[in-house]
Amino acid sequence: MSEFDSGMSSTTEEELDFSGDGITKGEYELTITDAEAEEKDNGDSVKVTFETPGVAFPIPVNYWTEHQNPKAASAGRGQLKRIFTAALGQPKGALSALKGKKVLATVSEDAQGFARVSGFKPVPKPVEAVNLG
């Protein structure tokens, strides 16, 4: 039974409105919920999964670390450098150290409707109140 058969009443005559769906482009505070190395047919990658209250679903992104196309590996390694620097304060560390860390990044939707994450920055630390009295 499909979603439409299980209680959603829809006919071809009804107007469907999807204007509020998708991702609104903007800067989001993202939590890294997973980071794992993966071996694929054409190279090795790191899959980083981000979550934020502003997006209704987890955002998994693959970054190539080795690839048959050296430009793809260079781009992936550059993005991972930015993620590590934003999350850990340095461009190196264990993948497990990323889990639970927060970063600021621009999230947008590409032409196919997939989430794109870029422009990684550290989350500003809260300013502590100073008692001058």
C-alpha atoms as a PDB file:
ATOM      1  CA  MET A   1       0.000   0.000   0.000  1.00  0.00           C
ATOM      2  CA  SER A   2       1.500   3.340  -0.993  1.00  0.00           C
ATOM      3  CA  GLU A   3       1.442   6.560   1.009  1.00  0.00           C
ATOM      4  CA  PHE A   4      -1.355   7.807  -1.249  1.00  0.00           C
ATOM      5  CA  ASP A   5      -3.426   4.656  -0.637  1.00  0.00           C
ATOM      6  CA  SER A   6      -3.082   4.786   3.158  1.00  0.00           C
ATOM      7  CA  GLY A   7      -5.172   7.795   4.039  1.00  0.00           C
ATOM      8  CA  MET A   8      -3.981  10.580   1.776  1.00  0.00           C
ATOM      9  CA  SER A   9      -6.929  11.484  -0.384  1.00  0.00           C
ATOM     10  CA  SER A  10      -5.622  12.893  -3.621  1.00  0.00           C
ATOM     11  CA  THR A  11      -7.105  13.125  -7.051  1.00  0.00           C
ATOM     12  CA  THR A  12      -5.718  14.406 -10.301  1.00  0.00           C
ATOM     13  CA  GLU A  13      -8.091  17.370  -9.970  1.00  0.00           C
ATOM     14  CA  GLU A  14      -6.621  18.657  -6.692  1.00  0.00           C
ATOM     15  CA  GLU A  15      -3.957  21.319  -6.782  1.00  0.00           C
ATOM     16  CA  LEU A  16      -0.794  20.177  -5.030  1.00  0.00           C
ATOM     17  CA  ASP A  17       1.450  22.812  -3.453  1.00  0.00           C
ATOM     18  CA  PHE A  18       5.108  21.956  -2.857  1.00  0.00           C
ATOM     19  CA  SER A  19       6.325  25.557  -2.659  1.00  0.00           C
ATOM     20  CA  GLY A  20       7.294  25.213   1.006  1.00  0.00           C
ATOM     21  CA  ASP A  21       9.241  21.982   0.481  1.00  0.00           C
ATOM     22  CA  GLY A  22      12.948  21.576  -0.049  1.00  0.00           C
ATOM     23  CA  ILE A  23      15.838  23.328   1.627  1.00  0.00           C
ATOM     24  CA  THR A  24      15.910  27.050   2.204  1.00  0.00           C
ATOM     25  CA  LYS A  25      19.429  28.226   1.379  1.00  0.00           C
ATOM     26  CA  GLY A  26      21.174  29.734   4.368  1.00  0.00           C
ATOM     27  CA  GLU A  27      23.826  29.412   7.013  1.00  0.00           C
ATOM     28  CA  TYR A  28      23.015  26.669   9.510  1.00  0.00           C
ATOM     29  CA  GLU A  29      24.634  25.356  12.659  1.00  0.00           C
ATOM     30  CA  LEU A  30      25.213  21.706  11.806  1.00  0.00           C
ATOM     31  CA  THR A  31      26.001  18.838  14.147  1.00  0.00           C
ATOM     32  CA  ILE A  32      28.232  16.118  12.738  1.00  0.00           C
ATOM     33  CA  THR A  33      26.424  12.918  13.685  1.00  0.00           C
ATOM     34  CA  ASP A  34      28.658  10.460  11.823  1.00  0.00           C
ATOM     35  CA  ALA A  35      31.933  10.340   9.923  1.00  0.00           C
ATOM     36  CA  GLU A  36      33.193   7.120   8.381  1.00  0.00           C
ATOM     37  CA  ALA A  37      35.668   5.989   5.745  1.00  0.00           C
ATOM     38  CA  GLU A  38      34.273   4.090   2.775  1.00  0.00           C
ATOM     39  CA  GLU A  39      35.925   2.115  -0.002  1.00  0.00           C
ATOM     40  CA  LYS A  40      34.295   2.430  -3.405  1.00  0.00           C
ATOM     41  CA  ASP A  41      35.061   1.059  -6.863  1.00  0.00           C
ATOM     42  CA  ASN A  42      36.770   4.231  -8.055  1.00  0.00           C
ATOM     43  CA  GLY A  43      38.440   5.372  -4.818  1.00  0.00           C
ATOM     44  CA  ASP A  44      38.165   6.007  -1.095  1.00  0.00           C
ATOM     45  CA  SER A  45      35.910   8.553   0.539  1.00  0.00           C
ATOM     46  CA  VAL A  46      34.773   9.854   3.892  1.00  0.00           C
ATOM     47  CA  LYS A  47      31.036  10.123   4.421  1.00  0.00           C
ATOM     48  CA  VAL A  48      30.134  12.889   6.866  1.00  0.00           C
ATOM     49  CA  THR A  49      26.526  13.118   8.083  1.00  0.00           C
ATOM     50  CA  PHE A  50      25.217  16.472   9.286  1.00  0.00           C
ATOM     51  CA  GLU A  51      21.984  17.282  11.122  1.00  0.00           C
ATOM     52  CA  THR A  52      20.321  20.569  12.014  1.00  0.00           C
ATOM     53  CA  PRO A  53      16.875  21.536  13.292  1.00  0.00           C
ATOM     54  CA  GLY A  54      16.486  23.729  10.172  1.00  0.00           C
ATOM     55  CA  VAL A  55      16.438  20.700   7.841  1.00  0.00           C
ATOM     56  CA  ALA A  56      14.016  17.828   8.404  1.00  0.00           C
ATOM     57  CA  PHE A  57      16.435  15.039   7.481  1.00  0.00           C
ATOM     58  CA  PRO A  58      20.101  14.046   7.955  1.00  0.00           C
ATOM     59  CA  ILE A  59      22.467  15.313   5.247  1.00  0.00           C
ATOM     60  CA  PRO A  60      25.083  12.698   4.250  1.00  0.00           C
ATOM     61  CA  VAL A  61      27.951  14.029   2.095  1.00  0.00           C
ATOM     62  CA  ASN A  62      30.778  11.988   0.545  1.00  0.00           C
ATOM     63  CA  TYR A  63      34.215  13.566   0.224  1.00  0.00           C
ATOM     64  CA  TRP A  64      36.810  11.738  -1.884  1.00  0.00           C
ATOM     65  CA  THR A  65      40.198  11.192  -0.252  1.00  0.00           C
ATOM     66  CA  GLU A  66      41.548   9.086  -3.130  1.00  0.00           C
ATOM     67  CA  HIS A  67      39.994   8.849  -6.575  1.00  0.00           C
ATOM     68  CA  GLN A  68      40.803   7.885 -10.150  1.00  0.00           C
ATOM     69  CA  ASN A  69      40.316  11.567 -10.958  1.00  0.00           C
ATOM     70  CA  PRO A  70      42.947  13.514  -8.964  1.00  0.00           C
ATOM     71  CA  LYS A  71      40.806  16.694  -9.088  1.00  0.00           C
ATOM     72  CA  ALA A  72      37.960  14.900  -7.287  1.00  0.00           C
ATOM     73  CA  ALA A  73      40.355  13.732  -4.557  1.00  0.00           C
ATOM     74  CA  SER A  74      41.852  17.211  -4.228  1.00  0.00           C
ATOM     75  CA  ALA A  75      38.411  18.814  -3.889  1.00  0.00           C
ATOM     76  CA  GLY A  76      37.286  16.224  -1.323  1.00  0.00           C
ATOM     77  CA  ARG A  77      40.441  16.515   0.751  1.00  0.00           C
ATOM     78  CA  GLY A  78      40.123  20.317   0.684  1.00  0.00           C
ATOM     79  CA  GLN A  79      36.567  20.147   2.020  1.00  0.00           C
ATOM     80  CA  LEU A  80      37.601  17.699   4.751  1.00  0.00           C
ATOM     81  CA  LYS A  81      40.414  20.088   5.728  1.00  0.00           C
ATOM     82  CA  ARG A  82      37.812  22.849   6.133  1.00  0.00           C
ATOM     83  CA  ILE A  83      35.505  20.573   8.156  1.00  0.00           C
ATOM     84  CA  PHE A  84      38.308  19.444  10.499  1.00  0.00           C
ATOM     85  CA  THR A  85      39.531  23.015  10.956  1.00  0.00           C
ATOM     86  CA  ALA A  86      36.017  24.318  11.700  1.00  0.00           C
ATOM     87  CA  ALA A  87      35.132  21.437  14.038  1.00  0.00           C
ATOM     88  CA  LEU A  88      38.451  20.711  15.757  1.00  0.00           C
ATOM     89  CA  GLY A  89      40.498  23.866  15.271  1.00  0.00           C
ATOM     90  CA  GLN A  90      43.126  22.057  13.184  1.00  0.00           C
ATOM     91  CA  PRO A  91      43.191  20.313   9.790  1.00  0.00           C
ATOM     92  CA  LYS A  92      43.792  16.840  11.214  1.00  0.00           C
ATOM     93  CA  GLY A  93      42.383  14.333  13.658  1.00  0.00           C
ATOM     94  CA  ALA A  94      40.489  11.075  13.912  1.00  0.00           C
ATOM     95  CA  LEU A  95      37.130  10.740  12.182  1.00  0.00           C
ATOM     96  CA  SER A  96      35.635   9.700  15.519  1.00  0.00           C
ATOM     97  CA  ALA A  97      36.655  13.095  16.971  1.00  0.00           C
ATOM     98  CA  LEU A  98      34.247  14.813  14.544  1.00  0.00           C
ATOM     99  CA  LYS A  99      31.143  13.089  15.925  1.00  0.00           C
ATOM    100  CA  GLY A 100      29.050  15.470  17.992  1.00  0.00           C
ATOM    101  CA  LYS A 101      31.013  18.553  16.914  1.00  0.00           C
ATOM    102  CA  LYS A 102      29.213  21.585  15.522  1.00  0.00           C
ATOM    103  CA  VAL A 103      30.131  23.727  12.502  1.00  0.00           C
ATOM    104  CA  LEU A 104      28.548  26.622  10.653  1.00  0.00           C
ATOM    105  CA  ALA A 105      28.003  26.048   6.945  1.00  0.00           C
ATOM    106  CA  THR A 106      25.906  27.158   4.028  1.00  0.00           C
ATOM    107  CA  VAL A 107      23.287  24.577   3.088  1.00  0.00           C
ATOM    108  CA  SER A 108      21.547  24.812  -0.266  1.00  0.00           C
ATOM    109  CA  GLU A 109      19.753  22.601  -2.749  1.00  0.00           C
ATOM    110  CA  ASP A 110      21.232  21.668  -6.122  1.00  0.00           C
ATOM    111  CA  ALA A 111      19.286  21.393  -9.390  1.00  0.00           C
ATOM    112  CA  GLN A 112      18.383  17.754  -8.607  1.00  0.00           C
ATOM    113  CA  GLY A 113      17.052  18.647  -5.142  1.00  0.00           C
ATOM    114  CA  PHE A 114      19.994  17.233  -3.185  1.00  0.00           C
ATOM    115  CA  ALA A 115      21.475  19.113  -0.231  1.00  0.00           C
ATOM    116  CA  ARG A 116      24.835  20.810  -0.758  1.00  0.00           C
ATOM    117  CA  VAL A 117      26.989  21.875   2.184  1.00  0.00           C
ATOM    118  CA  SER A 118      29.847  24.385   1.842  1.00  0.00           C
ATOM    119  CA  GLY A 119      31.640  27.300   3.474  1.00  0.00           C
ATOM    120  CA  PHE A 120      32.559  25.598   6.745  1.00  0.00           C
ATOM    121  CA  LYS A 121      33.350  27.839   9.718  1.00  0.00           C
ATOM    122  CA  PRO A 122      33.715  27.262  13.445  1.00  0.00           C
ATOM    123  CA  VAL A 123      30.704  27.957  15.638  1.00  0.00           C
ATOM    124  CA  PRO A 124      31.456  31.113  17.634  1.00  0.00           C
ATOM    125  CA  LYS A 125      32.015  30.482  21.303  1.00  0.00           C
ATOM    126  CA  PRO A 126      29.504  32.189  23.602  1.00  0.00           C
ATOM    127  CA  VAL A 127      30.798  35.310  25.291  1.00  0.00           C
ATOM    128  CA  GLU A 128      30.990  34.916  29.057  1.00  0.00           C
ATOM    129  CA  ALA A 129      29.627  37.671  31.211  1.00  0.00           C
ATOM    130  CA  VAL A 130      32.254  39.544  33.170  1.00  0.00           C
ATOM    131  CA  ASN A 131      31.401  40.801  36.637  1.00  0.00           C
ATOM    132  CA  LEU A 132      32.905  44.252  36.936  1.00  0.00           C
ATOM    133  CA  GLY A 133      31.394  44.989  40.336  1.00  0.00           C
END
